[in-house]
Amino acid sequence: MITTLLKYLINSDDNPLLYSNEVNYSITNNEVKSAGFLEVYYNAETKKYSVHCFGENTLLNRKANPIEDKATIESYLNV
């Protein structure tokens, strides 16, 4: 199993944006529903991703919504 740590946000249209610490972005908090950190796991046998969402983005003043964010991001990654 492969694991990666990223940051993420879910915008007002329920679209996830996954990014590393090195990426700069410009977005207002009105466009963001939730944000935080993301552990991404890839299972090579099943060829599926699973995620763990946690924390918050203090710059945007948004917290992770672990259960909803997990479902949104996993459905996006496992298309």
C-alpha atoms as a PDB file:
ATOM      1  CA  MET A   1       0.000   0.000   0.000  1.00  0.00           C
ATOM      2  CA  ILE A   2       1.301   3.468  -0.923  1.00  0.00           C
ATOM      3  CA  THR A   3       0.597   6.472   1.344  1.00  0.00           C
ATOM      4  CA  THR A   4       0.864  10.192   0.507  1.00  0.00           C
ATOM      5  CA  LEU A   5       0.161  13.278   2.664  1.00  0.00           C
ATOM      6  CA  LEU A   6      -1.441  16.258   0.911  1.00  0.00           C
ATOM      7  CA  LYS A   7      -3.564  19.298   1.648  1.00  0.00           C
ATOM      8  CA  TYR A   8      -7.050  19.631   0.230  1.00  0.00           C
ATOM      9  CA  LEU A   9     -10.106  21.794   0.012  1.00  0.00           C
ATOM     10  CA  ILE A  10     -13.664  21.155  -1.119  1.00  0.00           C
ATOM     11  CA  ASN A  11     -15.169  24.080  -3.012  1.00  0.00           C
ATOM     12  CA  SER A  12     -18.776  25.266  -2.956  1.00  0.00           C
ATOM     13  CA  ASP A  13     -19.552  23.005  -5.958  1.00  0.00           C
ATOM     14  CA  ASP A  14     -18.332  19.915  -4.020  1.00  0.00           C
ATOM     15  CA  ASN A  15     -15.225  19.587  -6.198  1.00  0.00           C
ATOM     16  CA  PRO A  16     -12.058  18.567  -4.351  1.00  0.00           C
ATOM     17  CA  LEU A  17      -8.714  20.273  -4.923  1.00  0.00           C
ATOM     18  CA  LEU A  18      -5.734  18.219  -3.754  1.00  0.00           C
ATOM     19  CA  TYR A  19      -2.346  19.922  -3.544  1.00  0.00           C
ATOM     20  CA  SER A  20       1.084  19.714  -1.928  1.00  0.00           C
ATOM     21  CA  ASN A  21       2.644  22.200   0.473  1.00  0.00           C
ATOM     22  CA  GLU A  22       4.616  23.762  -2.382  1.00  0.00           C
ATOM     23  CA  VAL A  23       1.551  24.893  -4.348  1.00  0.00           C
ATOM     24  CA  ASN A  24       0.332  28.455  -3.955  1.00  0.00           C
ATOM     25  CA  TYR A  25      -3.311  29.128  -4.691  1.00  0.00           C
ATOM     26  CA  SER A  26      -5.668  32.067  -4.711  1.00  0.00           C
ATOM     27  CA  ILE A  27      -9.184  31.413  -3.478  1.00  0.00           C
ATOM     28  CA  THR A  28     -11.553  33.149  -1.097  1.00  0.00           C
ATOM     29  CA  ASN A  29     -13.113  31.460   1.925  1.00  0.00           C
ATOM     30  CA  ASN A  30     -16.594  32.005   0.431  1.00  0.00           C
ATOM     31  CA  GLU A  31     -15.696  29.464  -2.248  1.00  0.00           C
ATOM     32  CA  VAL A  32     -14.530  26.812   0.247  1.00  0.00           C
ATOM     33  CA  LYS A  33     -16.786  24.440   2.230  1.00  0.00           C
ATOM     34  CA  SER A  34     -14.041  22.532   4.040  1.00  0.00           C
ATOM     35  CA  ALA A  35     -10.267  22.176   4.040  1.00  0.00           C
ATOM     36  CA  GLY A  36      -7.545  20.271   5.817  1.00  0.00           C
ATOM     37  CA  PHE A  37      -4.973  17.537   5.426  1.00  0.00           C
ATOM     38  CA  LEU A  38      -5.359  14.305   3.550  1.00  0.00           C
ATOM     39  CA  GLU A  39      -3.643  10.943   3.763  1.00  0.00           C
ATOM     40  CA  VAL A  40      -4.085   9.091   0.484  1.00  0.00           C
ATOM     41  CA  TYR A  41      -3.719   5.317   0.417  1.00  0.00           C
ATOM     42  CA  TYR A  42      -3.516   3.297  -2.796  1.00  0.00           C
ATOM     43  CA  ASN A  43      -4.125  -0.438  -2.775  1.00  0.00           C
ATOM     44  CA  ALA A  44      -2.359  -1.985  -5.773  1.00  0.00           C
ATOM     45  CA  GLU A  45      -4.360  -5.217  -5.475  1.00  0.00           C
ATOM     46  CA  THR A  46      -7.781  -3.561  -5.669  1.00  0.00           C
ATOM     47  CA  LYS A  47      -6.531  -0.552  -7.661  1.00  0.00           C
ATOM     48  CA  LYS A  48      -8.571   1.689  -5.345  1.00  0.00           C
ATOM     49  CA  TYR A  49      -7.789   4.802  -3.337  1.00  0.00           C
ATOM     50  CA  SER A  50      -8.901   5.407   0.226  1.00  0.00           C
ATOM     51  CA  VAL A  51      -8.361   8.605   2.186  1.00  0.00           C
ATOM     52  CA  HIS A  52      -8.257   9.961   5.722  1.00  0.00           C
ATOM     53  CA  CYS A  53      -9.229  13.648   6.118  1.00  0.00           C
ATOM     54  CA  PHE A  54      -8.308  15.671   9.199  1.00  0.00           C
ATOM     55  CA  GLY A  55      -7.198  19.044  10.534  1.00  0.00           C
ATOM     56  CA  GLU A  56      -7.947  22.503   9.211  1.00  0.00           C
ATOM     57  CA  ASN A  57      -6.696  25.310   6.988  1.00  0.00           C
ATOM     58  CA  THR A  58      -6.141  28.265   9.311  1.00  0.00           C
ATOM     59  CA  LEU A  59      -5.529  30.667   6.413  1.00  0.00           C
ATOM     60  CA  LEU A  60      -9.004  29.949   5.008  1.00  0.00           C
ATOM     61  CA  ASN A  61     -10.534  29.424   8.460  1.00  0.00           C
ATOM     62  CA  ARG A  62     -12.060  26.111   7.371  1.00  0.00           C
ATOM     63  CA  LYS A  63     -11.974  22.705   9.072  1.00  0.00           C
ATOM     64  CA  ALA A  64     -12.047  19.233   7.608  1.00  0.00           C
ATOM     65  CA  ASN A  65     -15.381  17.449   7.565  1.00  0.00           C
ATOM     66  CA  PRO A  66     -13.862  13.955   7.722  1.00  0.00           C
ATOM     67  CA  ILE A  67     -16.845  11.787   6.765  1.00  0.00           C
ATOM     68  CA  GLU A  68     -18.277  13.935   3.962  1.00  0.00           C
ATOM     69  CA  ASP A  69     -14.861  14.950   2.609  1.00  0.00           C
ATOM     70  CA  LYS A  70     -13.725  11.305   2.542  1.00  0.00           C
ATOM     71  CA  ALA A  71     -16.762  10.300   0.468  1.00  0.00           C
ATOM     72  CA  THR A  72     -16.353  13.235  -1.941  1.00  0.00           C
ATOM     73  CA  ILE A  73     -12.628  12.703  -2.496  1.00  0.00           C
ATOM     74  CA  GLU A  74     -12.810   8.904  -2.795  1.00  0.00           C
ATOM     75  CA  SER A  75     -15.572   9.117  -5.390  1.00  0.00           C
ATOM     76  CA  TYR A  76     -13.422  11.592  -7.339  1.00  0.00           C
ATOM     77  CA  LEU A  77     -10.272   9.431  -7.173  1.00  0.00           C
ATOM     78  CA  ASN A  78     -11.965   6.093  -7.916  1.00  0.00           C
ATOM     79  CA  VAL A  79     -13.797   7.017 -11.107  1.00  0.00           C
END
